[in-house]
């Protein structure tokens, strides 16, 4: 397993790119210096819990999303959050309904 600071660095970069923002924009959103963001993304800097929270908030992701090396290592509830992310209320209801139907179907098979 990679060192946690490199996992966080990779995830900060990944979610920043998903947000389609520059390092400067992330720095502004998180109220950090550009140099701090560059060092965080390179894994050369650890950060305080306060700055960690600022980064997650600026990227619009739960704090824990920055801690996992692979998506399949995330708890199921957080993986479901990813499925629902950006969907309308109606889409979320439909997905929940389909999941419930699938679960009930599986119960009948067992």
PDB file of N, CA and C in Angstrom:
ATOM      1  N   UNK A   1       0.840  -1.187   0.000  1.00  0.00           N
ATOM      2  CA  UNK A   1       0.000   0.000   0.000  1.00  0.00           C
ATOM      3  C   UNK A   1       0.884   1.249   0.000  1.00  0.00           C
ATOM      4  N   UNK A   2       0.450   2.234  -0.757  1.00  0.00           N
ATOM      5  CA  UNK A   2       1.179   3.496  -0.839  1.00  0.00           C
ATOM      6  C   UNK A   2       1.112   4.253   0.474  1.00  0.00           C
ATOM      7  N   UNK A   3       2.079   5.111   0.689  1.00  0.00           N
ATOM      8  CA  UNK A   3       2.076   6.021   1.829  1.00  0.00           C
ATOM      9  C   UNK A   3       0.834   6.903   1.727  1.00  0.00           C
ATOM     10  N   UNK A   4       0.157   7.135   2.830  1.00  0.00           N
ATOM     11  CA  UNK A   4      -1.105   7.878   2.842  1.00  0.00           C
ATOM     12  C   UNK A   4      -0.965   9.279   2.237  1.00  0.00           C
ATOM     13  N   UNK A   5       0.182   9.932   2.413  1.00  0.00           N
ATOM     14  CA  UNK A   5       0.294  11.288   1.865  1.00  0.00           C
ATOM     15  C   UNK A   5       0.288  11.266   0.341  1.00  0.00           C
ATOM     16  N   UNK A   6       0.754  10.159  -0.269  1.00  0.00           N
ATOM     17  CA  UNK A   6       0.714  10.040  -1.726  1.00  0.00           C
ATOM     18  C   UNK A   6      -0.684   9.660  -2.217  1.00  0.00           C
ATOM     19  N   UNK A   7      -1.402   8.882  -1.425  1.00  0.00           N
ATOM     20  CA  UNK A   7      -2.791   8.562  -1.754  1.00  0.00           C
ATOM     21  C   UNK A   7      -3.613   9.842  -1.736  1.00  0.00           C
ATOM     22  N   UNK A   8      -3.453  10.634  -0.682  1.00  0.00           N
ATOM     23  CA  UNK A   8      -4.169  11.911  -0.584  1.00  0.00           C
ATOM     24  C   UNK A   8      -3.771  12.824  -1.733  1.00  0.00           C
ATOM     25  N   UNK A   9      -2.483  12.900  -2.028  1.00  0.00           N
ATOM     26  CA  UNK A   9      -2.001  13.748  -3.121  1.00  0.00           C
ATOM     27  C   UNK A   9      -2.669  13.357  -4.439  1.00  0.00           C
ATOM     28  N   UNK A  10      -2.697  12.058  -4.737  1.00  0.00           N
ATOM     29  CA  UNK A  10      -3.317  11.588  -5.980  1.00  0.00           C
ATOM     30  C   UNK A  10      -4.807  11.905  -6.018  1.00  0.00           C
ATOM     31  N   UNK A  11      -5.479  11.736  -4.880  1.00  0.00           N
ATOM     32  CA  UNK A  11      -6.917  11.990  -4.832  1.00  0.00           C
ATOM     33  C   UNK A  11      -7.248  13.471  -4.926  1.00  0.00           C
ATOM     34  N   UNK A  12      -6.452  14.312  -4.293  1.00  0.00           N
ATOM     35  CA  UNK A  12      -6.672  15.756  -4.409  1.00  0.00           C
ATOM     36  C   UNK A  12      -6.565  16.155  -5.878  1.00  0.00           C
ATOM     37  N   UNK A  13      -5.549  15.655  -6.539  1.00  0.00           N
ATOM     38  CA  UNK A  13      -5.353  15.955  -7.961  1.00  0.00           C
ATOM     39  C   UNK A  13      -6.528  15.417  -8.790  1.00  0.00           C
ATOM     40  N   UNK A  14      -6.939  14.185  -8.532  1.00  0.00           N
ATOM     41  CA  UNK A  14      -8.042  13.562  -9.261  1.00  0.00           C
ATOM     42  C   UNK A  14      -9.326  14.377  -9.124  1.00  0.00           C
ATOM     43  N   UNK A  15      -9.702  14.699  -7.881  1.00  0.00           N
ATOM     44  CA  UNK A  15     -10.952  15.423  -7.668  1.00  0.00           C
ATOM     45  C   UNK A  15     -10.854  16.878  -8.130  1.00  0.00           C
ATOM     46  N   UNK A  16      -9.676  17.453  -8.083  1.00  0.00           N
ATOM     47  CA  UNK A  16      -9.503  18.822  -8.616  1.00  0.00           C
ATOM     48  C   UNK A  16      -9.752  18.804 -10.115  1.00  0.00           C
ATOM     49  N   UNK A  17      -9.210  17.801 -10.789  1.00  0.00           N
ATOM     50  CA  UNK A  17      -9.400  17.703 -12.241  1.00  0.00           C
ATOM     51  C   UNK A  17     -10.853  17.399 -12.585  1.00  0.00           C
ATOM     52  N   UNK A  18     -11.516  16.605 -11.756  1.00  0.00           N
ATOM     53  CA  UNK A  18     -12.950  16.339 -11.972  1.00  0.00           C
ATOM     54  C   UNK A  18     -13.772  17.610 -11.837  1.00  0.00           C
ATOM     55  N   UNK A  19     -13.345  18.485 -10.943  1.00  0.00           N
ATOM     56  CA  UNK A  19     -14.015  19.781 -10.763  1.00  0.00           C
ATOM     57  C   UNK A  19     -13.661  20.754 -11.888  1.00  0.00           C
ATOM     58  N   UNK A  20     -12.662  20.368 -12.678  1.00  0.00           N
ATOM     59  CA  UNK A  20     -12.169  21.201 -13.780  1.00  0.00           C
ATOM     60  C   UNK A  20     -11.697  22.570 -13.281  1.00  0.00           C
ATOM     61  N   UNK A  21     -10.880  22.502 -12.225  1.00  0.00           N
ATOM     62  CA  UNK A  21     -10.305  23.735 -11.686  1.00  0.00           C
ATOM     63  C   UNK A  21      -8.784  23.615 -11.646  1.00  0.00           C
ATOM     64  N   UNK A  22      -8.136  24.742 -11.650  1.00  0.00           N
ATOM     65  CA  UNK A  22      -6.680  24.779 -11.580  1.00  0.00           C
ATOM     66  C   UNK A  22      -6.238  24.679 -10.122  1.00  0.00           C
ATOM     67  N   UNK A  23      -4.946  24.508  -9.941  1.00  0.00           N
ATOM     68  CA  UNK A  23      -4.397  24.516  -8.582  1.00  0.00           C
ATOM     69  C   UNK A  23      -4.646  25.867  -7.924  1.00  0.00           C
ATOM     70  N   UNK A  24      -4.566  26.928  -8.712  1.00  0.00           N
ATOM     71  CA  UNK A  24      -4.809  28.266  -8.170  1.00  0.00           C
ATOM     72  C   UNK A  24      -6.259  28.409  -7.701  1.00  0.00           C
ATOM     73  N   UNK A  25      -7.189  27.899  -8.485  1.00  0.00           N
ATOM     74  CA  UNK A  25      -8.600  27.971  -8.094  1.00  0.00           C
ATOM     75  C   UNK A  25      -8.861  27.144  -6.832  1.00  0.00           C
ATOM     76  N   UNK A  26      -8.223  25.982  -6.731  1.00  0.00           N
ATOM     77  CA  UNK A  26      -8.356  25.175  -5.518  1.00  0.00           C
ATOM     78  C   UNK A  26      -7.781  25.932  -4.324  1.00  0.00           C
ATOM     79  N   UNK A  27      -6.631  26.534  -4.516  1.00  0.00           N
ATOM     80  CA  UNK A  27      -6.010  27.311  -3.439  1.00  0.00           C
ATOM     81  C   UNK A  27      -6.948  28.427  -2.967  1.00  0.00           C
ATOM     82  N   UNK A  28      -7.565  29.108  -3.907  1.00  0.00           N
ATOM     83  CA  UNK A  28      -8.494  30.186  -3.554  1.00  0.00           C
ATOM     84  C   UNK A  28      -9.711  29.655  -2.815  1.00  0.00           C
ATOM     85  N   UNK A  29     -10.304  28.577  -3.325  1.00  0.00           N
ATOM     86  CA  UNK A  29     -11.477  27.981  -2.682  1.00  0.00           C
ATOM     87  C   UNK A  29     -11.161  27.521  -1.259  1.00  0.00           C
ATOM     88  N   UNK A  30      -9.977  26.925  -1.084  1.00  0.00           N
ATOM     89  CA  UNK A  30      -9.593  26.365   0.215  1.00  0.00           C
ATOM     90  C   UNK A  30      -8.906  27.387   1.118  1.00  0.00           C
ATOM     91  N   UNK A  31      -8.699  28.583   0.589  1.00  0.00           N
ATOM     92  CA  UNK A  31      -8.016  29.646   1.332  1.00  0.00           C
ATOM     93  C   UNK A  31      -6.619  29.200   1.767  1.00  0.00           C
ATOM     94  N   UNK A  32      -5.901  28.616   0.788  1.00  0.00           N
ATOM     95  CA  UNK A  32      -4.526  28.187   0.988  1.00  0.00           C
ATOM     96  C   UNK A  32      -3.661  28.860  -0.066  1.00  0.00           C
ATOM     97  N   UNK A  33      -2.367  28.807   0.130  1.00  0.00           N
ATOM     98  CA  UNK A  33      -1.470  29.365  -0.891  1.00  0.00           C
ATOM     99  C   UNK A  33      -1.348  28.382  -2.048  1.00  0.00           C
ATOM    100  N   UNK A  34      -1.031  28.903  -3.212  1.00  0.00           N
ATOM    101  CA  UNK A  34      -0.799  28.055  -4.379  1.00  0.00           C
ATOM    102  C   UNK A  34       0.331  27.081  -4.095  1.00  0.00           C
ATOM    103  N   UNK A  35       1.383  27.561  -3.444  1.00  0.00           N
ATOM    104  CA  UNK A  35       2.520  26.703  -3.120  1.00  0.00           C
ATOM    105  C   UNK A  35       2.087  25.532  -2.232  1.00  0.00           C
ATOM    106  N   UNK A  36       1.183  25.788  -1.287  1.00  0.00           N
ATOM    107  CA  UNK A  36       0.687  24.706  -0.418  1.00  0.00           C
ATOM    108  C   UNK A  36      -0.036  23.642  -1.226  1.00  0.00           C
ATOM    109  N   UNK A  37      -0.891  24.072  -2.141  1.00  0.00           N
ATOM    110  CA  UNK A  37      -1.629  23.121  -2.970  1.00  0.00           C
ATOM    111  C   UNK A  37      -0.661  22.310  -3.827  1.00  0.00           C
ATOM    112  N   UNK A  38       0.329  22.972  -4.404  1.00  0.00           N
ATOM    113  CA  UNK A  38       1.315  22.250  -5.224  1.00  0.00           C
ATOM    114  C   UNK A  38       2.052  21.207  -4.402  1.00  0.00           C
ATOM    115  N   UNK A  39       2.436  21.559  -3.184  1.00  0.00           N
ATOM    116  CA  UNK A  39       3.162  20.609  -2.333  1.00  0.00           C
ATOM    117  C   UNK A  39       2.260  19.472  -1.869  1.00  0.00           C
ATOM    118  N   UNK A  40       0.989  19.767  -1.616  1.00  0.00           N
ATOM    119  CA  UNK A  40       0.032  18.721  -1.228  1.00  0.00           C
ATOM    120  C   UNK A  40      -0.146  17.730  -2.374  1.00  0.00           C
ATOM    121  N   UNK A  41      -0.342  18.246  -3.592  1.00  0.00           N
ATOM    122  CA  UNK A  41      -0.548  17.377  -4.752  1.00  0.00           C
ATOM    123  C   UNK A  41       0.694  16.583  -5.136  1.00  0.00           C
ATOM    124  N   UNK A  42       1.839  17.052  -4.744  1.00  0.00           N
ATOM    125  CA  UNK A  42       3.067  16.307  -5.053  1.00  0.00           C
ATOM    126  C   UNK A  42       3.415  15.312  -3.948  1.00  0.00           C
ATOM    127  N   UNK A  43       2.688  15.381  -2.836  1.00  0.00           N
ATOM    128  CA  UNK A  43       2.961  14.494  -1.710  1.00  0.00           C
ATOM    129  C   UNK A  43       4.130  14.957  -0.862  1.00  0.00           C
ATOM    130  N   UNK A  44       4.570  16.183  -1.088  1.00  0.00           N
ATOM    131  CA  UNK A  44       5.714  16.710  -0.343  1.00  0.00           C
ATOM    132  C   UNK A  44       5.309  17.421   0.937  1.00  0.00           C
ATOM    133  N   UNK A  45       4.012  17.515   1.151  1.00  0.00           N
ATOM    134  CA  UNK A  45       3.568  18.241   2.333  1.00  0.00           C
ATOM    135  C   UNK A  45       2.415  17.505   2.990  1.00  0.00           C
ATOM    136  N   UNK A  46       2.498  17.374   4.285  1.00  0.00           N
ATOM    137  CA  UNK A  46       1.349  16.901   5.046  1.00  0.00           C
ATOM    138  C   UNK A  46       0.559  18.147   5.422  1.00  0.00           C
ATOM    139  N   UNK A  47      -0.671  17.953   5.818  1.00  0.00           N
ATOM    140  CA  UNK A  47      -1.466  19.125   6.150  1.00  0.00           C
ATOM    141  C   UNK A  47      -2.193  18.935   7.457  1.00  0.00           C
ATOM    142  N   UNK A  48      -2.576  20.035   8.030  1.00  0.00           N
ATOM    143  CA  UNK A  48      -3.335  19.993   9.273  1.00  0.00           C
ATOM    144  C   UNK A  48      -4.736  19.478   8.971  1.00  0.00           C
ATOM    145  N   UNK A  49      -5.433  19.053   9.989  1.00  0.00           N
ATOM    146  CA  UNK A  49      -6.809  18.596   9.831  1.00  0.00           C
ATOM    147  C   UNK A  49      -7.668  19.733   9.277  1.00  0.00           C
ATOM    148  N   UNK A  50      -7.433  20.938   9.734  1.00  0.00           N
ATOM    149  CA  UNK A  50      -8.189  22.094   9.252  1.00  0.00           C
ATOM    150  C   UNK A  50      -8.002  22.269   7.738  1.00  0.00           C
ATOM    151  N   UNK A  51      -6.777  22.192   7.261  1.00  0.00           N
ATOM    152  CA  UNK A  51      -6.526  22.342   5.826  1.00  0.00           C
ATOM    153  C   UNK A  51      -7.067  21.160   5.033  1.00  0.00           C
ATOM    154  N   UNK A  52      -7.022  19.980   5.629  1.00  0.00           N
ATOM    155  CA  UNK A  52      -7.580  18.789   5.002  1.00  0.00           C
ATOM    156  C   UNK A  52      -9.082  18.975   4.792  1.00  0.00           C
ATOM    157  N   UNK A  53      -9.759  19.509   5.806  1.00  0.00           N
ATOM    158  CA  UNK A  53     -11.190  19.789   5.707  1.00  0.00           C
ATOM    159  C   UNK A  53     -11.465  20.859   4.651  1.00  0.00           C
ATOM    160  N   UNK A  54     -10.614  21.870   4.598  1.00  0.00           N
ATOM    161  CA  UNK A  54     -10.779  22.935   3.600  1.00  0.00           C
ATOM    162  C   UNK A  54     -10.658  22.388   2.183  1.00  0.00           C
ATOM    163  N   UNK A  55      -9.677  21.515   1.965  1.00  0.00           N
ATOM    164  CA  UNK A  55      -9.459  20.922   0.647  1.00  0.00           C
ATOM    165  C   UNK A  55     -10.682  20.095   0.240  1.00  0.00           C
ATOM    166  N   UNK A  56     -11.153  19.231   1.132  1.00  0.00           N
ATOM    167  CA  UNK A  56     -12.313  18.386   0.824  1.00  0.00           C
ATOM    168  C   UNK A  56     -13.535  19.247   0.521  1.00  0.00           C
ATOM    169  N   UNK A  57     -13.758  20.259   1.306  1.00  0.00           N
ATOM    170  CA  UNK A  57     -14.889  21.161   1.085  1.00  0.00           C
ATOM    171  C   UNK A  57     -14.760  21.881  -0.252  1.00  0.00           C
ATOM    172  N   UNK A  58     -13.564  22.362  -0.556  1.00  0.00           N
ATOM    173  CA  UNK A  58     -13.325  23.077  -1.814  1.00  0.00           C
ATOM    174  C   UNK A  58     -13.533  22.172  -3.021  1.00  0.00           C
ATOM    175  N   UNK A  59     -13.300  20.872  -2.845  1.00  0.00           N
ATOM    176  CA  UNK A  59     -13.467  19.908  -3.933  1.00  0.00           C
ATOM    177  C   UNK A  59     -14.875  19.302  -3.968  1.00  0.00           C
ATOM    178  N   UNK A  60     -15.689  19.657  -2.969  1.00  0.00           N
ATOM    179  CA  UNK A  60     -17.067  19.152  -2.864  1.00  0.00           C
ATOM    180  C   UNK A  60     -17.119  17.639  -2.740  1.00  0.00           C
ATOM    181  N   UNK A  61     -16.224  17.090  -1.932  1.00  0.00           N
ATOM    182  CA  UNK A  61     -16.221  15.647  -1.679  1.00  0.00           C
ATOM    183  C   UNK A  61     -16.156  15.404  -0.175  1.00  0.00           C
ATOM    184  N   UNK A  62     -16.719  14.292   0.282  1.00  0.00           N
ATOM    185  CA  UNK A  62     -16.543  13.933   1.682  1.00  0.00           C
ATOM    186  C   UNK A  62     -15.051  13.729   1.980  1.00  0.00           C
ATOM    187  N   UNK A  63     -14.654  14.060   3.153  1.00  0.00           N
ATOM    188  CA  UNK A  63     -13.266  13.953   3.584  1.00  0.00           C
ATOM    189  C   UNK A  63     -12.683  12.566   3.301  1.00  0.00           C
ATOM    190  N   UNK A  64     -13.461  11.552   3.562  1.00  0.00           N
ATOM    191  CA  UNK A  64     -12.975  10.183   3.409  1.00  0.00           C
ATOM    192  C   UNK A  64     -12.628   9.830   1.963  1.00  0.00           C
ATOM    193  N   UNK A  65     -13.189  10.543   0.980  1.00  0.00           N
ATOM    194  CA  UNK A  65     -12.899  10.242  -0.422  1.00  0.00           C
ATOM    195  C   UNK A  65     -11.426  10.475  -0.738  1.00  0.00           C
ATOM    196  N   UNK A  66     -10.781  11.281   0.053  1.00  0.00           N
ATOM    197  CA  UNK A  66      -9.373  11.588  -0.201  1.00  0.00           C
ATOM    198  C   UNK A  66      -8.435  10.551   0.413  1.00  0.00           C
ATOM    199  N   UNK A  67      -8.985   9.602   1.163  1.00  0.00           N
ATOM    200  CA  UNK A  67      -8.157   8.658   1.916  1.00  0.00           C
ATOM    201  C   UNK A  67      -7.975   7.284   1.284  1.00  0.00           C
ATOM    202  N   UNK A  68      -8.764   6.967   0.267  1.00  0.00           N
ATOM    203  CA  UNK A  68      -8.736   5.616  -0.286  1.00  0.00           C
ATOM    204  C   UNK A  68      -7.943   5.547  -1.581  1.00  0.00           C
ATOM    205  N   UNK A  69      -7.102   4.532  -1.664  1.00  0.00           N
ATOM    206  CA  UNK A  69      -6.275   4.349  -2.855  1.00  0.00           C
ATOM    207  C   UNK A  69      -7.107   3.869  -4.042  1.00  0.00           C
ATOM    208  N   UNK A  70      -8.104   3.037  -3.792  1.00  0.00           N
ATOM    209  CA  UNK A  70      -8.966   2.499  -4.845  1.00  0.00           C
ATOM    210  C   UNK A  70     -10.409   2.639  -4.398  1.00  0.00           C
ATOM    211  N   UNK A  71     -11.275   2.890  -5.362  1.00  0.00           N
ATOM    212  CA  UNK A  71     -12.691   3.078  -5.052  1.00  0.00           C
ATOM    213  C   UNK A  71     -13.293   1.843  -4.378  1.00  0.00           C
ATOM    214  N   UNK A  72     -12.807   0.652  -4.731  1.00  0.00           N
ATOM    215  CA  UNK A  72     -13.367  -0.560  -4.137  1.00  0.00           C
ATOM    216  C   UNK A  72     -12.967  -0.739  -2.671  1.00  0.00           C
ATOM    217  N   UNK A  73     -12.096   0.121  -2.181  1.00  0.00           N
ATOM    218  CA  UNK A  73     -11.719   0.077  -0.767  1.00  0.00           C
ATOM    219  C   UNK A  73     -12.646   0.954   0.085  1.00  0.00           C
ATOM    220  N   UNK A  74     -13.456   1.777  -0.571  1.00  0.00           N
ATOM    221  CA  UNK A  74     -14.382   2.659   0.143  1.00  0.00           C
ATOM    222  C   UNK A  74     -15.525   1.851   0.741  1.00  0.00           C
ATOM    223  N   UNK A  75     -16.037   2.287   1.879  1.00  0.00           N
ATOM    224  CA  UNK A  75     -17.236   1.633   2.422  1.00  0.00           C
ATOM    225  C   UNK A  75     -18.401   1.752   1.424  1.00  0.00           C
ATOM    226  N   UNK A  76     -19.311   0.793   1.465  1.00  0.00           N
ATOM    227  CA  UNK A  76     -20.411   0.745   0.506  1.00  0.00           C
ATOM    228  C   UNK A  76     -21.235   2.027   0.492  1.00  0.00           C
ATOM    229  N   UNK A  77     -21.505   2.592   1.665  1.00  0.00           N
ATOM    230  CA  UNK A  77     -22.328   3.807   1.728  1.00  0.00           C
ATOM    231  C   UNK A  77     -21.681   4.947   0.947  1.00  0.00           C
ATOM    232  N   UNK A  78     -20.384   5.037   1.012  1.00  0.00           N
ATOM    233  CA  UNK A  78     -19.692   6.100   0.293  1.00  0.00           C
ATOM    234  C   UNK A  78     -19.666   5.819  -1.207  1.00  0.00           C
ATOM    235  N   UNK A  79     -19.606   4.551  -1.575  1.00  0.00           N
ATOM    236  CA  UNK A  79     -19.662   4.206  -2.995  1.00  0.00           C
ATOM    237  C   UNK A  79     -21.044   4.516  -3.557  1.00  0.00           C
ATOM    238  N   UNK A  80     -22.085   4.300  -2.754  1.00  0.00           N
ATOM    239  CA  UNK A  80     -23.436   4.671  -3.181  1.00  0.00           C
ATOM    240  C   UNK A  80     -23.546   6.177  -3.363  1.00  0.00           C
ATOM    241  N   UNK A  81     -22.898   6.920  -2.500  1.00  0.00           N
ATOM    242  CA  UNK A  81     -22.882   8.377  -2.626  1.00  0.00           C
ATOM    243  C   UNK A  81     -22.349   8.773  -4.002  1.00  0.00           C
ATOM    244  N   UNK A  82     -21.317   8.108  -4.464  1.00  0.00           N
ATOM    245  CA  UNK A  82     -20.754   8.396  -5.783  1.00  0.00           C
ATOM    246  C   UNK A  82     -21.768   8.131  -6.894  1.00  0.00           C
ATOM    247  N   UNK A  83     -22.560   7.066  -6.747  1.00  0.00           N
ATOM    248  CA  UNK A  83     -23.571   6.742  -7.747  1.00  0.00           C
ATOM    249  C   UNK A  83     -24.631   7.842  -7.796  1.00  0.00           C
ATOM    250  N   UNK A  84     -25.016   8.357  -6.631  1.00  0.00           N
ATOM    251  CA  UNK A  84     -26.077   9.366  -6.549  1.00  0.00           C
ATOM    252  C   UNK A  84     -25.595  10.775  -6.860  1.00  0.00           C
ATOM    253  N   UNK A  85     -24.315  10.985  -6.763  1.00  0.00           N
ATOM    254  CA  UNK A  85     -23.755  12.319  -6.936  1.00  0.00           C
ATOM    255  C   UNK A  85     -24.152  12.931  -8.281  1.00  0.00           C
ATOM    256  N   UNK A  86     -24.678  14.147  -8.226  1.00  0.00           N
ATOM    257  CA  UNK A  86     -25.024  14.890  -9.430  1.00  0.00           C
ATOM    258  C   UNK A  86     -26.332  14.480 -10.084  1.00  0.00           C
ATOM    259  N   UNK A  87     -27.052  13.557  -9.479  1.00  0.00           N
ATOM    260  CA  UNK A  87     -28.313  13.103 -10.056  1.00  0.00           C
ATOM    261  C   UNK A  87     -29.477  13.882  -9.444  1.00  0.00           C
ATOM    262  N   UNK A  88     -30.548  13.980 -10.186  1.00  0.00           N
ATOM    263  CA  UNK A  88     -31.743  14.676  -9.693  1.00  0.00           C
ATOM    264  C   UNK A  88     -32.433  13.827  -8.633  1.00  0.00           C
ATOM    265  N   UNK A  89     -33.344  14.436  -7.905  1.00  0.00           N
ATOM    266  CA  UNK A  89     -34.105  13.709  -6.890  1.00  0.00           C
ATOM    267  C   UNK A  89     -34.882  12.556  -7.488  1.00  0.00           C
ATOM    268  N   UNK A  90     -35.446  12.777  -8.673  1.00  0.00           N
ATOM    269  CA  UNK A  90     -36.212  11.732  -9.352  1.00  0.00           C
ATOM    270  C   UNK A  90     -35.307  10.565  -9.759  1.00  0.00           C
ATOM    271  N   UNK A  91     -34.116  10.876 -10.250  1.00  0.00           N
ATOM    272  CA  UNK A  91     -33.160   9.828 -10.624  1.00  0.00           C
ATOM    273  C   UNK A  91     -32.730   9.031  -9.396  1.00  0.00           C
ATOM    274  N   UNK A  92     -32.486   9.724  -8.293  1.00  0.00           N
ATOM    275  CA  UNK A  92     -32.094   9.028  -7.060  1.00  0.00           C
ATOM    276  C   UNK A  92     -33.194   8.087  -6.589  1.00  0.00           C
ATOM    277  N   UNK A  93     -34.441   8.547  -6.643  1.00  0.00           N
ATOM    278  CA  UNK A  93     -35.567   7.703  -6.242  1.00  0.00           C
ATOM    279  C   UNK A  93     -35.656   6.464  -7.128  1.00  0.00           C
ATOM    280  N   UNK A  94     -35.465   6.656  -8.420  1.00  0.00           N
ATOM    281  CA  UNK A  94     -35.508   5.528  -9.356  1.00  0.00           C
ATOM    282  C   UNK A  94     -34.399   4.532  -9.031  1.00  0.00           C
ATOM    283  N   UNK A  95     -33.176   5.025  -8.804  1.00  0.00           N
ATOM    284  CA  UNK A  95     -32.056   4.136  -8.479  1.00  0.00           C
ATOM    285  C   UNK A  95     -32.316   3.374  -7.185  1.00  0.00           C
ATOM    286  N   UNK A  96     -32.847   4.054  -6.182  1.00  0.00           N
ATOM    287  CA  UNK A  96     -33.163   3.388  -4.915  1.00  0.00           C
ATOM    288  C   UNK A  96     -34.231   2.312  -5.121  1.00  0.00           C
ATOM    289  N   UNK A  97     -35.249   2.637  -5.918  1.00  0.00           N
ATOM    290  CA  UNK A  97     -36.311   1.672  -6.207  1.00  0.00           C
ATOM    291  C   UNK A  97     -35.733   0.438  -6.903  1.00  0.00           C
ATOM    292  N   UNK A  98     -34.876   0.660  -7.901  1.00  0.00           N
ATOM    293  CA  UNK A  98     -34.271  -0.456  -8.633  1.00  0.00           C
ATOM    294  C   UNK A  98     -33.393  -1.302  -7.706  1.00  0.00           C
ATOM    295  N   UNK A  99     -32.648  -0.671  -6.844  1.00  0.00           N
ATOM    296  CA  UNK A  99     -31.797  -1.391  -5.897  1.00  0.00           C
ATOM    297  C   UNK A  99     -32.650  -2.249  -4.959  1.00  0.00           C
ATOM    298  N   UNK A 100     -33.745  -1.680  -4.481  1.00  0.00           N
ATOM    299  CA  UNK A 100     -34.651  -2.429  -3.601  1.00  0.00           C
ATOM    300  C   UNK A 100     -35.241  -3.635  -4.331  1.00  0.00           C
ATOM    301  N   UNK A 101     -35.675  -3.432  -5.567  1.00  0.00           N
ATOM    302  CA  UNK A 101     -36.239  -4.534  -6.367  1.00  0.00           C
ATOM    303  C   UNK A 101     -35.200  -5.636  -6.581  1.00  0.00           C
ATOM    304  N   UNK A 102     -33.984  -5.248  -6.877  1.00  0.00           N
ATOM    305  CA  UNK A 102     -32.900  -6.216  -7.088  1.00  0.00           C
ATOM    306  C   UNK A 102     -32.628  -7.000  -5.813  1.00  0.00           C
ATOM    307  N   UNK A 103     -32.583  -6.300  -4.685  1.00  0.00           N
ATOM    308  CA  UNK A 103     -32.331  -6.957  -3.395  1.00  0.00           C
ATOM    309  C   UNK A 103     -33.425  -7.958  -3.072  1.00  0.00           C
ATOM    310  N   UNK A 104     -34.668  -7.592  -3.304  1.00  0.00           N
ATOM    311  CA  UNK A 104     -35.783  -8.506  -3.047  1.00  0.00           C
ATOM    312  C   UNK A 104     -35.719  -9.711  -3.976  1.00  0.00           C
ATOM    313  N   UNK A 105     -35.337  -9.490  -5.231  1.00  0.00           N
ATOM    314  CA  UNK A 105     -35.191 -10.598  -6.182  1.00  0.00           C
ATOM    315  C   UNK A 105     -34.102 -11.566  -5.752  1.00  0.00           C
ATOM    316  N   UNK A 106     -33.010 -11.023  -5.246  1.00  0.00           N
ATOM    317  CA  UNK A 106     -31.915 -11.884  -4.771  1.00  0.00           C
ATOM    318  C   UNK A 106     -32.349 -12.698  -3.571  1.00  0.00           C
ATOM    319  N   UNK A 107     -33.145 -12.083  -2.679  1.00  0.00           N
ATOM    320  CA  UNK A 107     -33.620 -12.800  -1.488  1.00  0.00           C
ATOM    321  C   UNK A 107     -34.468 -14.010  -1.893  1.00  0.00           C
ATOM    322  N   UNK A 108     -35.250 -13.873  -2.950  1.00  0.00           N
ATOM    323  CA  UNK A 108     -36.115 -14.962  -3.414  1.00  0.00           C
ATOM    324  C   UNK A 108     -35.289 -16.098  -4.003  1.00  0.00           C
ATOM    325  N   UNK A 109     -34.138 -15.768  -4.593  1.00  0.00           N
ATOM    326  CA  UNK A 109     -33.282 -16.802  -5.171  1.00  0.00           C
ATOM    327  C   UNK A 109     -32.559 -17.621  -4.118  1.00  0.00           C
ATOM    328  N   UNK A 110     -32.323 -17.025  -2.981  1.00  0.00           N
ATOM    329  CA  UNK A 110     -31.579 -17.706  -1.924  1.00  0.00           C
ATOM    330  C   UNK A 110     -32.531 -18.399  -1.039  1.00  0.00           C
TER     331      UNK A 110
END
